[in-house]
Amino acid sequence: MVRTRTIKEAAAYFRKNDPQTCLTETAIRTLLRTGAVPSIRVGKKYLVSLEALDAYLVGNIVSAVPLPPQRVEPAKVWKVK
């Protein structure tokens, strides 16, 4: 059975098992958005498998789908009169 959790619940799970962990919600969110750890997006939330996250941290998983770097368009500047 796959144990899926939200980002917040996954961070709490790792914090409970290791109170000294440096794995934060922001770090997990970054891993999911970059595709380093596979996830499922349901509505506004990301769901992550605890097994996949643990395997990534141990080093047993390679990036799910490497995404090309995204180009950020500069904002349009309006001339003030």
Protein backbone atom coordinates (compact mmCIF):
# COMPACT_ATOMS: atom_id res chain seq x y z
CA MET A 1 0.00 0.00 0.00
CA VAL A 2 1.34 3.41 -0.96
CA ARG A 3 1.30 5.97 1.82
CA THR A 4 0.59 9.37 0.26
CA ARG A 5 0.68 12.58 2.24
CA THR A 6 0.44 16.29 1.62
CA ILE A 7 3.63 18.32 1.86
CA LYS A 8 2.76 19.47 5.36
CA GLU A 9 1.96 15.93 6.55
CA ALA A 10 5.13 14.52 4.96
CA ALA A 11 7.28 17.11 6.72
CA ALA A 12 5.54 16.32 10.03
CA TYR A 13 6.11 12.58 9.47
CA PHE A 14 9.86 13.03 8.98
CA ARG A 15 10.05 15.48 11.90
CA LYS A 16 8.27 12.97 14.16
CA ASN A 17 10.66 10.15 13.22
CA ASP A 18 13.74 12.39 13.41
CA PRO A 19 13.29 15.56 15.48
CA GLN A 20 16.69 16.85 14.32
CA THR A 21 15.84 16.61 10.60
CA CYS A 22 16.53 19.53 8.30
CA LEU A 23 13.85 18.44 5.84
CA THR A 24 11.30 21.26 5.74
CA GLU A 25 8.05 21.81 3.89
CA THR A 26 9.86 24.20 1.56
CA ALA A 27 12.53 21.59 0.76
CA ILE A 28 9.88 18.96 -0.01
CA ARG A 29 7.92 21.43 -2.16
CA THR A 30 11.09 22.21 -4.15
CA LEU A 31 11.80 18.50 -4.71
CA LEU A 32 8.27 17.97 -6.01
CA ARG A 33 8.13 21.01 -8.28
CA THR A 34 11.50 20.24 -9.87
CA GLY A 35 10.45 16.66 -10.54
CA ALA A 36 13.19 15.15 -8.38
CA VAL A 37 10.53 13.18 -6.49
CA PRO A 38 7.36 12.02 -8.25
CA SER A 39 4.12 13.50 -6.98
CA ILE A 40 0.48 13.94 -7.86
CA ARG A 41 -1.25 17.28 -7.86
CA VAL A 42 -4.85 17.21 -6.67
CA GLY A 43 -6.47 20.61 -6.85
CA LYS A 44 -4.08 23.01 -5.16
CA LYS A 45 -2.28 20.32 -3.16
CA TYR A 46 0.62 18.06 -4.00
CA LEU A 47 0.51 14.47 -2.78
CA VAL A 48 3.78 12.63 -2.31
CA SER A 49 4.50 9.01 -1.54
CA LEU A 50 6.47 8.67 1.69
CA GLU A 51 8.28 5.70 0.15
CA ALA A 52 9.37 7.76 -2.90
CA LEU A 53 10.55 10.63 -0.72
CA ASP A 54 12.46 8.26 1.55
CA ALA A 55 14.02 6.50 -1.46
CA TYR A 56 15.16 9.85 -2.88
CA LEU A 57 16.76 10.82 0.42
CA VAL A 58 18.56 7.46 0.64
CA GLY A 59 19.71 7.87 -2.95
CA ASN A 60 17.76 5.03 -4.57
CA ILE A 61 15.69 7.11 -6.96
CA VAL A 62 16.70 9.09 -10.00
CA SER A 63 14.82 12.20 -11.01
CA ALA A 64 11.35 11.26 -12.25
CA VAL A 65 11.16 13.59 -15.22
CA PRO A 66 13.86 16.20 -15.62
CA LEU A 67 12.19 19.48 -16.44
CA PRO A 68 13.94 22.09 -18.54
CA PRO A 69 14.76 25.29 -16.69
CA GLN A 70 11.90 27.74 -16.94
CA ARG A 71 12.53 31.14 -18.45
CA VAL A 72 11.08 34.02 -16.47
CA GLU A 73 9.88 36.89 -18.60
CA PRO A 74 10.71 40.33 -17.20
CA ALA A 75 7.76 42.43 -16.17
CA LYS A 76 6.68 45.18 -18.53
CA VAL A 77 7.75 48.61 -17.34
CA TRP A 78 5.28 51.43 -17.83
CA LYS A 79 6.46 54.95 -18.34
CA VAL A 80 5.18 57.34 -15.68
CA LYS A 81 4.03 60.73 -16.96
